[in-house]
Amino acid sequence: MNNILIIDDEKDFCIGLKQCLESLGIYKVSYRTEPERVEYSLEYEDADVILVDLRMDDRSGEELILSLRGNDEKPVKRFIAVSGITAVETQIPINPPVPLLPKPVNISRLHELIQETLTQPSVA
């Protein structure tokens, strides 16, 4: 079972997405609504893929991704970003690029993207 962590300041979105992904029977999903506490949380739990909202009140998703990638203690390598601002699927132009899905999230497409992301090698 793959561990998925959702980081979004909208609790209802997190709960709904968690329920949808867990209903597929192949994901264990947790979520955090306070992005500033994520690095601490990752000291105690593993995440195979992290879904990050790009626009949060306390911190930008892009900034959080860059911070987690640079964490030498327990670097996280696989991310998918979500955003209510864009209407088309694209990528965040950081190296390596991070896929970006529009909200509301299409669960079938998200599942495909998670599976694609899991098959890619981890990149520091």
C-alpha atoms as a PDB file:
ATOM      1  CA  MET A   1       0.000   0.000   0.000  1.00  0.00           C
ATOM      2  CA  ASN A   2       1.381   3.402  -0.973  1.00  0.00           C
ATOM      3  CA  ASN A   3       1.446   6.281   1.495  1.00  0.00           C
ATOM      4  CA  ILE A   4       0.002   9.531   0.193  1.00  0.00           C
ATOM      5  CA  LEU A   5       0.183  12.813   2.105  1.00  0.00           C
ATOM      6  CA  ILE A   6      -2.150  15.675   1.194  1.00  0.00           C
ATOM      7  CA  ILE A   7      -1.110  19.198   2.173  1.00  0.00           C
ATOM      8  CA  ASP A   8      -3.895  21.724   1.765  1.00  0.00           C
ATOM      9  CA  ASP A   9      -5.296  24.404   4.062  1.00  0.00           C
ATOM     10  CA  GLU A  10      -8.862  23.405   3.113  1.00  0.00           C
ATOM     11  CA  LYS A  11      -9.813  20.615   5.529  1.00  0.00           C
ATOM     12  CA  ASP A  12     -12.970  19.605   3.621  1.00  0.00           C
ATOM     13  CA  PHE A  13     -10.931  19.147   0.430  1.00  0.00           C
ATOM     14  CA  CYS A  14      -8.427  16.970   2.314  1.00  0.00           C
ATOM     15  CA  ILE A  15     -11.125  14.791   3.864  1.00  0.00           C
ATOM     16  CA  GLY A  16     -12.946  14.310   0.560  1.00  0.00           C
ATOM     17  CA  LEU A  17      -9.782  13.491  -1.372  1.00  0.00           C
ATOM     18  CA  LYS A  18      -8.632  11.113   1.374  1.00  0.00           C
ATOM     19  CA  GLN A  19     -11.943   9.225   1.206  1.00  0.00           C
ATOM     20  CA  CYS A  20     -11.842   9.013  -2.603  1.00  0.00           C
ATOM     21  CA  LEU A  21      -8.254   7.761  -2.752  1.00  0.00           C
ATOM     22  CA  GLU A  22      -8.667   5.265   0.088  1.00  0.00           C
ATOM     23  CA  SER A  23     -11.789   3.863  -1.570  1.00  0.00           C
ATOM     24  CA  LEU A  24      -9.491   2.619  -4.359  1.00  0.00           C
ATOM     25  CA  GLY A  25      -8.018   0.217  -1.792  1.00  0.00           C
ATOM     26  CA  ILE A  26      -4.345   0.778  -2.648  1.00  0.00           C
ATOM     27  CA  TYR A  27      -3.510   3.984  -0.798  1.00  0.00           C
ATOM     28  CA  LYS A  28      -3.058   4.907   2.833  1.00  0.00           C
ATOM     29  CA  VAL A  29      -3.781   8.634   2.949  1.00  0.00           C
ATOM     30  CA  SER A  30      -3.060  11.234   5.592  1.00  0.00           C
ATOM     31  CA  TYR A  31      -3.365  14.988   5.401  1.00  0.00           C
ATOM     32  CA  ARG A  32      -2.064  18.163   6.983  1.00  0.00           C
ATOM     33  CA  THR A  33      -3.862  21.495   6.912  1.00  0.00           C
ATOM     34  CA  GLU A  34      -0.955  23.430   8.446  1.00  0.00           C
ATOM     35  CA  PRO A  35       1.899  23.528   5.926  1.00  0.00           C
ATOM     36  CA  GLU A  36       4.354  24.892   8.476  1.00  0.00           C
ATOM     37  CA  ARG A  37       4.086  21.608  10.447  1.00  0.00           C
ATOM     38  CA  VAL A  38       4.677  19.257   7.519  1.00  0.00           C
ATOM     39  CA  GLU A  39       8.433  18.966   7.914  1.00  0.00           C
ATOM     40  CA  TYR A  40       7.957  17.946  11.550  1.00  0.00           C
ATOM     41  CA  SER A  41       5.272  15.396  10.563  1.00  0.00           C
ATOM     42  CA  LEU A  42       7.550  13.798   7.983  1.00  0.00           C
ATOM     43  CA  GLU A  43      10.053  12.958  10.716  1.00  0.00           C
ATOM     44  CA  TYR A  44       7.519  10.409  11.988  1.00  0.00           C
ATOM     45  CA  GLU A  45       5.726   9.221   8.873  1.00  0.00           C
ATOM     46  CA  ASP A  46       6.677   8.257   5.355  1.00  0.00           C
ATOM     47  CA  ALA A  47       5.069   9.536   2.192  1.00  0.00           C
ATOM     48  CA  ASP A  48       5.589   7.941  -1.213  1.00  0.00           C
ATOM     49  CA  VAL A  49       3.865  10.879  -2.924  1.00  0.00           C
ATOM     50  CA  ILE A  50       2.887  14.260  -1.526  1.00  0.00           C
ATOM     51  CA  LEU A  51      -0.017  16.212  -3.009  1.00  0.00           C
ATOM     52  CA  VAL A  52       0.486  19.928  -2.378  1.00  0.00           C
ATOM     53  CA  ASP A  53      -1.914  22.820  -2.893  1.00  0.00           C
ATOM     54  CA  LEU A  54      -0.085  25.673  -4.593  1.00  0.00           C
ATOM     55  CA  ARG A  55      -2.062  28.440  -2.866  1.00  0.00           C
ATOM     56  CA  MET A  56      -2.287  28.261   0.903  1.00  0.00           C
ATOM     57  CA  ASP A  57      -2.662  31.089   3.394  1.00  0.00           C
ATOM     58  CA  ASP A  58       0.535  30.422   5.328  1.00  0.00           C
ATOM     59  CA  ARG A  59       2.952  29.223   2.658  1.00  0.00           C
ATOM     60  CA  SER A  60       3.097  28.662  -1.089  1.00  0.00           C
ATOM     61  CA  GLY A  61       3.075  25.085  -2.288  1.00  0.00           C
ATOM     62  CA  GLU A  62       6.070  25.697  -4.532  1.00  0.00           C
ATOM     63  CA  GLU A  63       8.090  27.006  -1.589  1.00  0.00           C
ATOM     64  CA  LEU A  64       7.095  23.964   0.469  1.00  0.00           C
ATOM     65  CA  ILE A  65       8.098  21.543  -2.314  1.00  0.00           C
ATOM     66  CA  LEU A  66      11.507  23.175  -2.657  1.00  0.00           C
ATOM     67  CA  SER A  67      11.998  23.083   1.104  1.00  0.00           C
ATOM     68  CA  LEU A  68      11.064  19.401   1.396  1.00  0.00           C
ATOM     69  CA  ARG A  69      13.268  18.453  -1.537  1.00  0.00           C
ATOM     70  CA  GLY A  70      16.198  20.135   0.137  1.00  0.00           C
ATOM     71  CA  ASN A  71      15.699  18.477   3.525  1.00  0.00           C
ATOM     72  CA  ASP A  72      18.822  16.367   4.039  1.00  0.00           C
ATOM     73  CA  GLU A  73      17.351  14.475   6.999  1.00  0.00           C
ATOM     74  CA  LYS A  74      14.487  12.895   5.076  1.00  0.00           C
ATOM     75  CA  PRO A  75      14.182  14.325   1.584  1.00  0.00           C
ATOM     76  CA  VAL A  76      10.878  13.858  -0.193  1.00  0.00           C
ATOM     77  CA  LYS A  77      11.215  13.314  -3.881  1.00  0.00           C
ATOM     78  CA  ARG A  78       7.790  12.766  -5.435  1.00  0.00           C
ATOM     79  CA  PHE A  79       5.179  15.512  -5.604  1.00  0.00           C
ATOM     80  CA  ILE A  80       1.960  16.348  -7.374  1.00  0.00           C
ATOM     81  CA  ALA A  81       0.583  19.873  -7.081  1.00  0.00           C
ATOM     82  CA  VAL A  82      -3.076  20.893  -7.172  1.00  0.00           C
ATOM     83  CA  SER A  83      -4.546  24.345  -7.662  1.00  0.00           C
ATOM     84  CA  GLY A  84      -7.920  26.007  -7.879  1.00  0.00           C
ATOM     85  CA  ILE A  85      -6.359  28.800  -9.930  1.00  0.00           C
ATOM     86  CA  THR A  86      -5.553  26.916 -13.123  1.00  0.00           C
ATOM     87  CA  ALA A  87      -8.119  25.131 -15.263  1.00  0.00           C
ATOM     88  CA  VAL A  88      -5.683  22.986 -17.248  1.00  0.00           C
ATOM     89  CA  GLU A  89      -3.226  20.258 -16.338  1.00  0.00           C
ATOM     90  CA  THR A  90       0.342  21.468 -16.581  1.00  0.00           C
ATOM     91  CA  GLN A  91       3.623  21.419 -14.628  1.00  0.00           C
ATOM     92  CA  ILE A  92       5.326  23.674 -12.115  1.00  0.00           C
ATOM     93  CA  PRO A  93       8.519  24.862 -13.812  1.00  0.00           C
ATOM     94  CA  ILE A  94      11.002  23.776 -11.151  1.00  0.00           C
ATOM     95  CA  ASN A  95      13.702  21.181 -11.594  1.00  0.00           C
ATOM     96  CA  PRO A  96      12.577  18.449 -11.867  1.00  0.00           C
ATOM     97  CA  PRO A  97       9.104  19.622 -12.912  1.00  0.00           C
ATOM     98  CA  VAL A  98       6.106  18.804 -10.724  1.00  0.00           C
ATOM     99  CA  PRO A  99       2.791  17.853 -12.347  1.00  0.00           C
ATOM    100  CA  LEU A 100      -0.051  20.289 -11.598  1.00  0.00           C
ATOM    101  CA  LEU A 101      -3.720  19.269 -11.589  1.00  0.00           C
ATOM    102  CA  PRO A 102      -6.614  21.725 -11.486  1.00  0.00           C
ATOM    103  CA  LYS A 103      -9.244  21.643  -8.744  1.00  0.00           C
ATOM    104  CA  PRO A 104     -11.737  20.091  -8.584  1.00  0.00           C
ATOM    105  CA  VAL A 105      -9.469  17.084  -8.954  1.00  0.00           C
ATOM    106  CA  ASN A 106     -10.441  14.301 -11.349  1.00  0.00           C
ATOM    107  CA  ILE A 107      -9.841  11.222  -9.178  1.00  0.00           C
ATOM    108  CA  SER A 108      -9.201   8.904 -12.134  1.00  0.00           C
ATOM    109  CA  ARG A 109      -6.571  11.251 -13.531  1.00  0.00           C
ATOM    110  CA  LEU A 110      -5.030  11.742 -10.096  1.00  0.00           C
ATOM    111  CA  HIS A 111      -4.802   7.965  -9.618  1.00  0.00           C
ATOM    112  CA  GLU A 112      -3.075   7.645 -13.027  1.00  0.00           C
ATOM    113  CA  LEU A 113      -0.673  10.443 -12.149  1.00  0.00           C
ATOM    114  CA  ILE A 114       0.146   8.922  -8.755  1.00  0.00           C
ATOM    115  CA  GLN A 115       0.912   5.598 -10.428  1.00  0.00           C
ATOM    116  CA  GLU A 116       3.119   7.331 -13.035  1.00  0.00           C
ATOM    117  CA  THR A 117       4.905   9.277 -10.301  1.00  0.00           C
ATOM    118  CA  LEU A 118       5.535   6.114  -8.263  1.00  0.00           C
ATOM    119  CA  THR A 119       7.238   4.431 -11.233  1.00  0.00           C
ATOM    120  CA  GLN A 120       9.675   7.300 -11.681  1.00  0.00           C
ATOM    121  CA  PRO A 121      12.963   7.158  -9.823  1.00  0.00           C
ATOM    122  CA  SER A 122      13.289   9.431  -6.822  1.00  0.00           C
ATOM    123  CA  VAL A 123      15.195  12.586  -7.667  1.00  0.00           C
ATOM    124  CA  ALA A 124      17.099  14.575  -5.078  1.00  0.00           C
END
